Amino acid sequence: MKIDIDPGAGFCFGVKRAIQLAEEALTRDGTLYCLGQVVHNEEEESRLKNLGLQVIDNEFFKTIKGTTVLIRAHGEPPETYKIAGKNNIRLVEGTCPIVLRLQDKIRKSYEEARQHKGQVVIFGKRNHPEVIGLTGQTMDEAIIVDDEKDIEKIDFTKPVCLYAQTTKNKDVFELIKHKISMGTDIKNTHFDANNTICRHVLNRDEKLKGFAKGHDLILFAGGKHSSNGKYLFSLCQAVNNHSHYIGGVKDLNPEWFEGIQSAGITGATSTPEWLLEKIADEVKALTES
């Protein structure tokens, strides 16, 4: 059986950079705190934990002093940096540069919106770590829109400035954008829409669907809590009914490969390349035995 690993799979730039910074700090110091999961992938989290990485939550973060903490690729709200300064915490800045630029844009839009009684709207998943960091730039006053129903939260008599979480679905963004534009047109209100979905995510969609179409079976490796993973997997499912979402080799089912001539292995932007290779080796062993 032919086994292929998707050449477009593996960590995105932001995640790869954050993990590299974590590894450098762990090599230097032996241990390192990380505020939240550095990546939404259980296998990679386990690897980093074995190297000395300790994941902490916001409540614990408020109690520590004089230590080092990694800021993951998702970014953090301004309050986190204030606490770090107050408690003499050294931060390893792992926020994705794309997210940092988006935070800066939203902060400036919010300052301008306050002068004109406008509204900053973020198309994103509520309570997602990136969105928490983005809304923090607006004193948590931004309106979060996750689907069409949330649009009713917007006051169309006031100016609207729309942004998107970097890993959201571009088609849903366009739908949200259209719905908001209709409301602002009726009220003759200014509307500024910004498609801030990461280009890496945007460019991968069509290539992933092509990869999924080209194989009898698709194994999609992703974390349980990976929003990006769930979205990309849905693209595979749409074009290939024999698509399976797995966390690692333990989830493989030998029966899946009966009568299969080719298997494609891919994953989320939070899935490490080493895990994809491990899965490929296990599939080879299962199908050759």
C-alpha atoms as a PDB file:
ATOM      1  CA  MET A   1       0.000   0.000   0.000  1.00  0.00           C
ATOM      2  CA  LYS A   2       1.203   3.494  -0.833  1.00  0.00           C
ATOM      3  CA  ILE A   3       1.595   5.776   2.214  1.00  0.00           C
ATOM      4  CA  ASP A   4       2.065   9.529   1.781  1.00  0.00           C
ATOM      5  CA  ILE A   5       2.613  12.310   4.308  1.00  0.00           C
ATOM      6  CA  ASP A   6       1.037  15.618   3.285  1.00  0.00           C
ATOM      7  CA  PRO A   7       3.924  17.976   2.317  1.00  0.00           C
ATOM      8  CA  GLY A   8       1.830  20.919   3.557  1.00  0.00           C
ATOM      9  CA  ALA A   9       1.296  19.459   7.032  1.00  0.00           C
ATOM     10  CA  GLY A  10       3.255  20.179  10.196  1.00  0.00           C
ATOM     11  CA  PHE A  11       3.535  23.139  12.536  1.00  0.00           C
ATOM     12  CA  CYS A  12       2.691  26.591  11.244  1.00  0.00           C
ATOM     13  CA  PHE A  13       5.417  29.218  11.637  1.00  0.00           C
ATOM     14  CA  GLY A  14       3.989  30.662  14.861  1.00  0.00           C
ATOM     15  CA  VAL A  15       3.729  27.326  16.674  1.00  0.00           C
ATOM     16  CA  LYS A  16       7.137  26.189  15.409  1.00  0.00           C
ATOM     17  CA  ARG A  17       8.707  29.409  16.720  1.00  0.00           C
ATOM     18  CA  ALA A  18       7.047  29.124  20.153  1.00  0.00           C
ATOM     19  CA  ILE A  19       8.211  25.523  20.567  1.00  0.00           C
ATOM     20  CA  GLN A  20      11.730  26.435  19.495  1.00  0.00           C
ATOM     21  CA  LEU A  21      11.792  29.183  22.135  1.00  0.00           C
ATOM     22  CA  ALA A  22      10.513  26.692  24.727  1.00  0.00           C
ATOM     23  CA  GLU A  23      13.196  24.153  23.828  1.00  0.00           C
ATOM     24  CA  GLU A  24      15.933  26.796  24.030  1.00  0.00           C
ATOM     25  CA  ALA A  25      14.751  27.913  27.479  1.00  0.00           C
ATOM     26  CA  LEU A  26      14.474  24.313  28.691  1.00  0.00           C
ATOM     27  CA  THR A  27      17.998  23.532  27.474  1.00  0.00           C
ATOM     28  CA  ARG A  28      19.278  26.576  29.323  1.00  0.00           C
ATOM     29  CA  ASP A  29      17.276  26.330  32.555  1.00  0.00           C
ATOM     30  CA  GLY A  30      15.967  22.767  32.782  1.00  0.00           C
ATOM     31  CA  THR A  31      12.414  23.857  33.609  1.00  0.00           C
ATOM     32  CA  LEU A  32       9.965  26.393  32.201  1.00  0.00           C
ATOM     33  CA  TYR A  33       6.419  27.483  32.936  1.00  0.00           C
ATOM     34  CA  CYS A  34       3.982  27.942  30.049  1.00  0.00           C
ATOM     35  CA  LEU A  35       0.787  29.950  30.473  1.00  0.00           C
ATOM     36  CA  GLY A  36      -1.732  27.542  28.950  1.00  0.00           C
ATOM     37  CA  GLN A  37      -1.050  24.738  26.477  1.00  0.00           C
ATOM     38  CA  VAL A  38       1.795  25.705  24.171  1.00  0.00           C
ATOM     39  CA  VAL A  39       0.101  23.704  21.411  1.00  0.00           C
ATOM     40  CA  HIS A  40      -3.241  21.918  21.162  1.00  0.00           C
ATOM     41  CA  ASN A  41      -1.719  18.500  20.633  1.00  0.00           C
ATOM     42  CA  GLU A  42      -1.488  15.974  23.447  1.00  0.00           C
ATOM     43  CA  GLU A  43       1.476  14.067  21.972  1.00  0.00           C
ATOM     44  CA  GLU A  44       3.614  17.186  21.628  1.00  0.00           C
ATOM     45  CA  GLU A  45       2.546  18.401  25.074  1.00  0.00           C
ATOM     46  CA  SER A  46       3.740  15.100  26.536  1.00  0.00           C
ATOM     47  CA  ARG A  47       7.104  15.422  24.789  1.00  0.00           C
ATOM     48  CA  LEU A  48       7.643  18.939  26.106  1.00  0.00           C
ATOM     49  CA  LYS A  49       6.540  17.945  29.606  1.00  0.00           C
ATOM     50  CA  ASN A  50       9.245  15.279  29.613  1.00  0.00           C
ATOM     51  CA  LEU A  51      11.747  18.017  28.763  1.00  0.00           C
ATOM     52  CA  GLY A  52      10.653  20.022  31.826  1.00  0.00           C
ATOM     53  CA  LEU A  53       7.810  22.246  30.572  1.00  0.00           C
ATOM     54  CA  GLN A  54       5.093  22.907  33.162  1.00  0.00           C
ATOM     55  CA  VAL A  55       1.726  24.195  31.965  1.00  0.00           C
ATOM     56  CA  ILE A  56       0.071  26.632  34.366  1.00  0.00           C
ATOM     57  CA  ASP A  57      -3.232  28.524  34.413  1.00  0.00           C
ATOM     58  CA  ASN A  58      -3.928  32.201  34.997  1.00  0.00           C
ATOM     59  CA  GLU A  59      -4.683  31.798  38.692  1.00  0.00           C
ATOM     60  CA  PHE A  60      -1.337  30.110  39.370  1.00  0.00           C
ATOM     61  CA  PHE A  61       0.403  32.704  37.191  1.00  0.00           C
ATOM     62  CA  LYS A  62      -0.807  35.431  39.552  1.00  0.00           C
ATOM     63  CA  THR A  63       0.885  33.728  42.521  1.00  0.00           C
ATOM     64  CA  ILE A  64       4.402  33.191  41.176  1.00  0.00           C
ATOM     65  CA  LYS A  65       7.313  35.635  41.307  1.00  0.00           C
ATOM     66  CA  GLY A  66      10.836  35.925  39.955  1.00  0.00           C
ATOM     67  CA  THR A  67      10.578  33.070  37.457  1.00  0.00           C
ATOM     68  CA  THR A  68      10.342  32.523  33.693  1.00  0.00           C
ATOM     69  CA  VAL A  69       7.103  31.984  31.775  1.00  0.00           C
ATOM     70  CA  LEU A  70       6.529  31.279  28.084  1.00  0.00           C
ATOM     71  CA  ILE A  71       3.815  33.198  26.260  1.00  0.00           C
ATOM     72  CA  ARG A  72       2.492  30.769  23.648  1.00  0.00           C
ATOM     73  CA  ALA A  73       1.751  31.562  19.997  1.00  0.00           C
ATOM     74  CA  HIS A  74      -1.894  32.449  20.724  1.00  0.00           C
ATOM     75  CA  GLY A  75      -0.852  35.614  22.580  1.00  0.00           C
ATOM     76  CA  GLU A  76      -2.079  37.182  25.814  1.00  0.00           C
ATOM     77  CA  PRO A  77      -4.073  40.265  26.865  1.00  0.00           C
ATOM     78  CA  PRO A  78      -2.309  43.346  28.332  1.00  0.00           C
ATOM     79  CA  GLU A  79      -3.224  42.294  31.884  1.00  0.00           C
ATOM     80  CA  THR A  80      -0.801  39.361  31.668  1.00  0.00           C
ATOM     81  CA  TYR A  81       2.121  41.695  30.984  1.00  0.00           C
ATOM     82  CA  LYS A  82       1.107  43.952  33.868  1.00  0.00           C
ATOM     83  CA  ILE A  83       1.123  41.003  36.265  1.00  0.00           C
ATOM     84  CA  ALA A  84       4.509  39.870  34.950  1.00  0.00           C
ATOM     85  CA  GLY A  85       5.989  43.326  35.521  1.00  0.00           C
ATOM     86  CA  LYS A  86       4.550  43.544  39.021  1.00  0.00           C
ATOM     87  CA  ASN A  87       5.799  40.084  40.048  1.00  0.00           C
ATOM     88  CA  ASN A  88       9.228  40.269  38.384  1.00  0.00           C
ATOM     89  CA  ILE A  89       8.377  37.461  35.951  1.00  0.00           C
ATOM     90  CA  ARG A  90      10.606  37.100  32.899  1.00  0.00           C
ATOM     91  CA  LEU A  91       8.481  36.431  29.836  1.00  0.00           C
ATOM     92  CA  VAL A  92       9.650  34.429  26.841  1.00  0.00           C
ATOM     93  CA  GLU A  93       7.616  36.100  24.090  1.00  0.00           C
ATOM     94  CA  GLY A  94       6.305  33.293  21.911  1.00  0.00           C
ATOM     95  CA  THR A  95       3.295  35.133  20.497  1.00  0.00           C
ATOM     96  CA  CYS A  96       3.060  34.546  16.748  1.00  0.00           C
ATOM     97  CA  PRO A  97       4.193  37.724  14.931  1.00  0.00           C
ATOM     98  CA  ILE A  98       0.984  37.596  12.874  1.00  0.00           C
ATOM     99  CA  VAL A  99      -1.092  37.588  16.069  1.00  0.00           C
ATOM    100  CA  LEU A 100       1.025  40.398  17.534  1.00  0.00           C
ATOM    101  CA  ARG A 101       0.326  42.559  14.485  1.00  0.00           C
ATOM    102  CA  LEU A 102      -3.372  41.753  14.745  1.00  0.00           C
ATOM    103  CA  GLN A 103      -3.399  42.724  18.420  1.00  0.00           C
ATOM    104  CA  ASP A 104      -1.802  46.054  17.492  1.00  0.00           C
ATOM    105  CA  LYS A 105      -4.378  46.703  14.743  1.00  0.00           C
ATOM    106  CA  ILE A 106      -7.279  45.923  17.056  1.00  0.00           C
ATOM    107  CA  ARG A 107      -5.867  48.118  19.826  1.00  0.00           C
ATOM    108  CA  LYS A 108      -5.546  51.076  17.430  1.00  0.00           C
ATOM    109  CA  SER A 109      -9.038  50.459  16.006  1.00  0.00           C
ATOM    110  CA  TYR A 110     -10.466  50.396  19.510  1.00  0.00           C
ATOM    111  CA  GLU A 111      -8.836  53.710  20.392  1.00  0.00           C
ATOM    112  CA  GLU A 112     -10.258  55.246  17.227  1.00  0.00           C
ATOM    113  CA  ALA A 113     -13.664  53.631  17.772  1.00  0.00           C
ATOM    114  CA  ARG A 114     -13.937  55.194  21.232  1.00  0.00           C
ATOM    115  CA  GLN A 115     -13.628  58.637  19.685  1.00  0.00           C
ATOM    116  CA  HIS A 116     -16.467  57.956  17.225  1.00  0.00           C
ATOM    117  CA  LYS A 117     -18.674  55.738  19.400  1.00  0.00           C
ATOM    118  CA  GLY A 118     -17.824  52.813  17.145  1.00  0.00           C
ATOM    119  CA  GLN A 119     -17.594  49.074  17.774  1.00  0.00           C
ATOM    120  CA  VAL A 120     -14.805  46.555  17.291  1.00  0.00           C
ATOM    121  CA  VAL A 121     -16.208  43.178  16.244  1.00  0.00           C
ATOM    122  CA  ILE A 122     -14.102  40.003  16.277  1.00  0.00           C
ATOM    123  CA  PHE A 123     -15.159  36.934  14.340  1.00  0.00           C
ATOM    124  CA  GLY A 124     -13.805  34.208  16.581  1.00  0.00           C
ATOM    125  CA  LYS A 125     -14.431  31.404  19.005  1.00  0.00           C
ATOM    126  CA  ARG A 126     -15.444  32.659  22.447  1.00  0.00           C
ATOM    127  CA  ASN A 127     -12.907  31.772  25.178  1.00  0.00           C
ATOM    128  CA  HIS A 128     -10.312  30.707  22.613  1.00  0.00           C
ATOM    129  CA  PRO A 129      -6.893  31.846  23.942  1.00  0.00           C
ATOM    130  CA  GLU A 130      -6.157  33.959  20.859  1.00  0.00           C
ATOM    131  CA  VAL A 131      -9.535  35.682  21.090  1.00  0.00           C
ATOM    132  CA  ILE A 132      -9.009  36.393  24.796  1.00  0.00           C
ATOM    133  CA  GLY A 133      -5.761  38.125  23.874  1.00  0.00           C
ATOM    134  CA  LEU A 134      -7.461  40.089  21.099  1.00  0.00           C
ATOM    135  CA  THR A 135     -10.416  41.265  23.167  1.00  0.00           C
ATOM    136  CA  GLY A 136      -7.962  42.298  25.872  1.00  0.00           C
ATOM    137  CA  GLN A 137      -6.733  45.001  23.499  1.00  0.00           C
ATOM    138  CA  THR A 138     -10.206  46.576  23.762  1.00  0.00           C
ATOM    139  CA  MET A 139     -10.642  46.448  27.541  1.00  0.00           C
ATOM    140  CA  ASP A 140     -12.817  43.384  26.807  1.00  0.00           C
ATOM    141  CA  GLU A 141     -15.364  45.603  25.050  1.00  0.00           C
ATOM    142  CA  ALA A 142     -15.079  43.978  21.612  1.00  0.00           C
ATOM    143  CA  ILE A 143     -18.148  42.126  20.368  1.00  0.00           C
ATOM    144  CA  ILE A 144     -17.401  38.451  19.733  1.00  0.00           C
ATOM    145  CA  VAL A 145     -19.238  36.932  16.758  1.00  0.00           C
ATOM    146  CA  ASP A 146     -18.887  33.161  16.368  1.00  0.00           C
ATOM    147  CA  ASP A 147     -21.844  32.601  14.033  1.00  0.00           C
ATOM    148  CA  GLU A 148     -24.745  34.396  12.340  1.00  0.00           C
ATOM    149  CA  LYS A 149     -26.847  34.482  15.505  1.00  0.00           C
ATOM    150  CA  ASP A 150     -24.250  36.616  17.287  1.00  0.00           C
ATOM    151  CA  ILE A 151     -24.657  39.419  14.741  1.00  0.00           C
ATOM    152  CA  GLU A 152     -27.701  40.666  16.646  1.00  0.00           C
ATOM    153  CA  LYS A 153     -25.303  41.904  19.332  1.00  0.00           C
ATOM    154  CA  ILE A 154     -24.097  44.630  16.960  1.00  0.00           C
ATOM    155  CA  ASP A 155     -25.644  48.112  17.035  1.00  0.00           C
ATOM    156  CA  PHE A 156     -25.937  49.017  13.355  1.00  0.00           C
ATOM    157  CA  THR A 157     -26.504  52.674  14.150  1.00  0.00           C
ATOM    158  CA  LYS A 158     -22.814  52.883  15.143  1.00  0.00           C
ATOM    159  CA  PRO A 159     -19.644  52.371  13.049  1.00  0.00           C
ATOM    160  CA  VAL A 160     -18.381  48.782  12.881  1.00  0.00           C
ATOM    161  CA  CYS A 161     -14.806  47.530  12.447  1.00  0.00           C
ATOM    162  CA  LEU A 162     -14.560  43.762  11.832  1.00  0.00           C
ATOM    163  CA  TYR A 163     -11.553  41.488  12.398  1.00  0.00           C
ATOM    164  CA  ALA A 164     -11.127  37.692  12.375  1.00  0.00           C
ATOM    165  CA  GLN A 165      -9.362  35.204  14.598  1.00  0.00           C
ATOM    166  CA  THR A 166      -6.401  33.988  12.529  1.00  0.00           C
ATOM    167  CA  THR A 167      -7.564  30.350  12.302  1.00  0.00           C
ATOM    168  CA  LYS A 168     -11.242  30.821  11.411  1.00  0.00           C
ATOM    169  CA  ASN A 169     -13.056  29.563   8.319  1.00  0.00           C
ATOM    170  CA  LYS A 170     -12.765  32.050   5.434  1.00  0.00           C
ATOM    171  CA  ASP A 171     -16.155  31.136   3.962  1.00  0.00           C
ATOM    172  CA  VAL A 172     -17.944  31.781   7.263  1.00  0.00           C
ATOM    173  CA  PHE A 173     -16.011  35.051   7.586  1.00  0.00           C
ATOM    174  CA  GLU A 174     -17.312  36.160   4.188  1.00  0.00           C
ATOM    175  CA  LEU A 175     -20.851  35.251   5.245  1.00  0.00           C
ATOM    176  CA  ILE A 176     -20.516  37.208   8.501  1.00  0.00           C
ATOM    177  CA  LYS A 177     -19.026  40.132   6.593  1.00  0.00           C
ATOM    178  CA  HIS A 178     -21.945  40.112   4.137  1.00  0.00           C
ATOM    179  CA  LYS A 179     -24.559  39.994   6.901  1.00  0.00           C
ATOM    180  CA  ILE A 180     -22.958  42.906   8.745  1.00  0.00           C
ATOM    181  CA  SER A 181     -22.613  44.935   5.548  1.00  0.00           C
ATOM    182  CA  MET A 182     -26.343  44.529   4.916  1.00  0.00           C
ATOM    183  CA  GLY A 183     -27.140  45.884   8.386  1.00  0.00           C
ATOM    184  CA  THR A 184     -24.763  48.828   8.121  1.00  0.00           C
ATOM    185  CA  ASP A 185     -26.036  49.675   4.625  1.00  0.00           C
ATOM    186  CA  ILE A 186     -29.615  49.903   5.916  1.00  0.00           C
ATOM    187  CA  LYS A 187     -28.530  52.228   8.744  1.00  0.00           C
ATOM    188  CA  ASN A 188     -26.095  54.119   6.491  1.00  0.00           C
ATOM    189  CA  THR A 189     -23.268  53.368   8.937  1.00  0.00           C
ATOM    190  CA  HIS A 190     -19.528  53.083   8.263  1.00  0.00           C
ATOM    191  CA  PHE A 191     -18.289  49.488   8.040  1.00  0.00           C
ATOM    192  CA  ASP A 192     -14.609  48.482   7.855  1.00  0.00           C
ATOM    193  CA  ALA A 193     -14.000  44.750   7.281  1.00  0.00           C
ATOM    194  CA  ASN A 194     -10.543  43.197   7.728  1.00  0.00           C
ATOM    195  CA  ASN A 195      -9.890  39.596   6.733  1.00  0.00           C
ATOM    196  CA  THR A 196      -7.136  38.775   9.227  1.00  0.00           C
ATOM    197  CA  ILE A 197      -7.250  34.992   8.827  1.00  0.00           C
ATOM    198  CA  CYS A 198      -3.680  33.682   8.622  1.00  0.00           C
ATOM    199  CA  ARG A 199      -2.504  33.276   5.034  1.00  0.00           C
ATOM    200  CA  HIS A 200      -0.942  29.934   5.937  1.00  0.00           C
ATOM    201  CA  VAL A 201      -4.419  28.690   6.890  1.00  0.00           C
ATOM    202  CA  LEU A 202      -6.031  30.241   3.804  1.00  0.00           C
ATOM    203  CA  ASN A 203      -3.484  28.855   1.354  1.00  0.00           C
ATOM    204  CA  ARG A 204      -3.605  25.375   2.786  1.00  0.00           C
ATOM    205  CA  ASP A 205      -7.327  24.741   2.260  1.00  0.00           C
ATOM    206  CA  GLU A 206      -7.329  23.923  -1.459  1.00  0.00           C
ATOM    207  CA  LYS A 207      -4.060  21.980  -1.312  1.00  0.00           C
ATOM    208  CA  LEU A 208      -5.392  19.887   1.565  1.00  0.00           C
ATOM    209  CA  LYS A 209      -8.580  19.050  -0.314  1.00  0.00           C
ATOM    210  CA  GLY A 210      -6.492  18.021  -3.323  1.00  0.00           C
ATOM    211  CA  PHE A 211      -4.343  15.792  -1.110  1.00  0.00           C
ATOM    212  CA  ALA A 212      -7.444  14.206   0.475  1.00  0.00           C
ATOM    213  CA  LYS A 213      -9.009  13.527  -2.948  1.00  0.00           C
ATOM    214  CA  GLY A 214      -5.856  11.819  -4.148  1.00  0.00           C
ATOM    215  CA  HIS A 215      -5.954   8.982  -1.603  1.00  0.00           C
ATOM    216  CA  ASP A 216      -8.323   6.126  -0.762  1.00  0.00           C
ATOM    217  CA  LEU A 217      -8.062   6.881   2.955  1.00  0.00           C
ATOM    218  CA  ILE A 218      -7.023   9.896   5.023  1.00  0.00           C
ATOM    219  CA  LEU A 219      -5.595   9.828   8.539  1.00  0.00           C
ATOM    220  CA  PHE A 220      -5.866  13.272  10.110  1.00  0.00           C
ATOM    221  CA  ALA A 221      -3.790  13.712  13.268  1.00  0.00           C
ATOM    222  CA  GLY A 222      -4.930  16.452  15.621  1.00  0.00           C
ATOM    223  CA  GLY A 223      -5.439  17.362  19.253  1.00  0.00           C
ATOM    224  CA  LYS A 224      -8.789  17.008  20.996  1.00  0.00           C
ATOM    225  CA  HIS A 225      -9.036  20.767  21.510  1.00  0.00           C
ATOM    226  CA  SER A 226      -7.561  21.989  18.221  1.00  0.00           C
ATOM    227  CA  SER A 227     -10.011  24.370  16.515  1.00  0.00           C
ATOM    228  CA  ASN A 228      -7.772  24.441  13.460  1.00  0.00           C
ATOM    229  CA  GLY A 229      -7.679  20.651  13.421  1.00  0.00           C
ATOM    230  CA  LYS A 230     -11.454  20.314  13.477  1.00  0.00           C
ATOM    231  CA  TYR A 231     -11.804  22.815  10.648  1.00  0.00           C
ATOM    232  CA  LEU A 232      -9.144  21.239   8.419  1.00  0.00           C
ATOM    233  CA  PHE A 233     -10.503  17.758   9.093  1.00  0.00           C
ATOM    234  CA  SER A 234     -13.931  18.923   7.904  1.00  0.00           C
ATOM    235  CA  LEU A 235     -12.318  19.820   4.562  1.00  0.00           C
ATOM    236  CA  CYS A 236     -10.952  16.284   4.259  1.00  0.00           C
ATOM    237  CA  GLN A 237     -14.325  14.759   5.150  1.00  0.00           C
ATOM    238  CA  ALA A 238     -16.064  16.891   2.526  1.00  0.00           C
ATOM    239  CA  VAL A 239     -14.054  15.285  -0.284  1.00  0.00           C
ATOM    240  CA  ASN A 240     -13.138  11.892   1.175  1.00  0.00           C
ATOM    241  CA  ASN A 241     -15.608   9.774   3.166  1.00  0.00           C
ATOM    242  CA  HIS A 242     -12.778   7.558   4.376  1.00  0.00           C
ATOM    243  CA  SER A 243     -11.226  10.248   6.596  1.00  0.00           C
ATOM    244  CA  HIS A 244     -10.377   9.462  10.220  1.00  0.00           C
ATOM    245  CA  TYR A 245      -9.451  11.936  12.989  1.00  0.00           C
ATOM    246  CA  ILE A 246      -6.834  10.437  15.304  1.00  0.00           C
ATOM    247  CA  GLY A 247      -4.706  11.631  18.191  1.00  0.00           C
ATOM    248  CA  GLY A 248      -1.859   9.228  17.502  1.00  0.00           C
ATOM    249  CA  VAL A 249      -0.918   5.645  16.651  1.00  0.00           C
ATOM    250  CA  LYS A 250      -3.047   4.275  19.503  1.00  0.00           C
ATOM    251  CA  ASP A 251      -6.186   5.283  17.587  1.00  0.00           C
ATOM    252  CA  LEU A 252      -5.359   3.345  14.434  1.00  0.00           C
ATOM    253  CA  ASN A 253      -7.775   0.575  13.438  1.00  0.00           C
ATOM    254  CA  PRO A 254      -6.319  -2.195  11.216  1.00  0.00           C
ATOM    255  CA  GLU A 255      -9.741  -2.744   9.642  1.00  0.00           C
ATOM    256  CA  TRP A 256      -9.592   0.705   8.053  1.00  0.00           C
ATOM    257  CA  PHE A 257      -6.898  -0.467   5.635  1.00  0.00           C
ATOM    258  CA  GLU A 258      -8.672  -3.487   4.182  1.00  0.00           C
ATOM    259  CA  GLY A 259      -8.854  -3.081   0.396  1.00  0.00           C
ATOM    260  CA  ILE A 260      -7.062   0.299   0.569  1.00  0.00           C
ATOM    261  CA  GLN A 261      -4.425   1.057  -2.067  1.00  0.00           C
ATOM    262  CA  SER A 262      -3.252   4.454  -0.816  1.00  0.00           C
ATOM    263  CA  ALA A 263      -3.321   6.248   2.542  1.00  0.00           C
ATOM    264  CA  GLY A 264      -2.637   9.949   3.068  1.00  0.00           C
ATOM    265  CA  ILE A 265      -1.451  11.236   6.434  1.00  0.00           C
ATOM    266  CA  THR A 266      -1.966  14.858   7.389  1.00  0.00           C
ATOM    267  CA  GLY A 267      -2.817  17.001  10.388  1.00  0.00           C
ATOM    268  CA  ALA A 268      -3.512  20.354  11.990  1.00  0.00           C
ATOM    269  CA  THR A 269      -1.091  23.283  12.100  1.00  0.00           C
ATOM    270  CA  SER A 270      -0.520  22.202  15.718  1.00  0.00           C
ATOM    271  CA  THR A 271       0.472  18.634  14.757  1.00  0.00           C
ATOM    272  CA  PRO A 272       4.244  17.931  14.760  1.00  0.00           C
ATOM    273  CA  GLU A 273       5.944  16.357  11.788  1.00  0.00           C
ATOM    274  CA  TRP A 274       7.515  13.692  13.991  1.00  0.00           C
ATOM    275  CA  LEU A 275       4.027  12.445  14.919  1.00  0.00           C
ATOM    276  CA  LEU A 276       2.998  12.190  11.258  1.00  0.00           C
ATOM    277  CA  GLU A 277       6.135  10.157  10.557  1.00  0.00           C
ATOM    278  CA  LYS A 278       5.428   7.914  13.558  1.00  0.00           C
ATOM    279  CA  ILE A 279       1.915   7.271  12.261  1.00  0.00           C
ATOM    280  CA  ALA A 280       3.252   6.487   8.783  1.00  0.00           C
ATOM    281  CA  ASP A 281       5.696   3.939  10.249  1.00  0.00           C
ATOM    282  CA  GLU A 282       2.919   2.292  12.251  1.00  0.00           C
ATOM    283  CA  VAL A 283       0.591   2.107   9.248  1.00  0.00           C
ATOM    284  CA  LYS A 284       3.406   0.502   7.245  1.00  0.00           C
ATOM    285  CA  ALA A 285       3.922  -2.070  10.001  1.00  0.00           C
ATOM    286  CA  LEU A 286       0.200  -2.815  10.234  1.00  0.00           C
ATOM    287  CA  THR A 287      -0.311  -3.270   6.517  1.00  0.00           C
ATOM    288  CA  GLU A 288       2.853  -5.308   5.881  1.00  0.00           C
ATOM    289  CA  SER A 289       2.361  -7.740   8.763  1.00  0.00           C
END
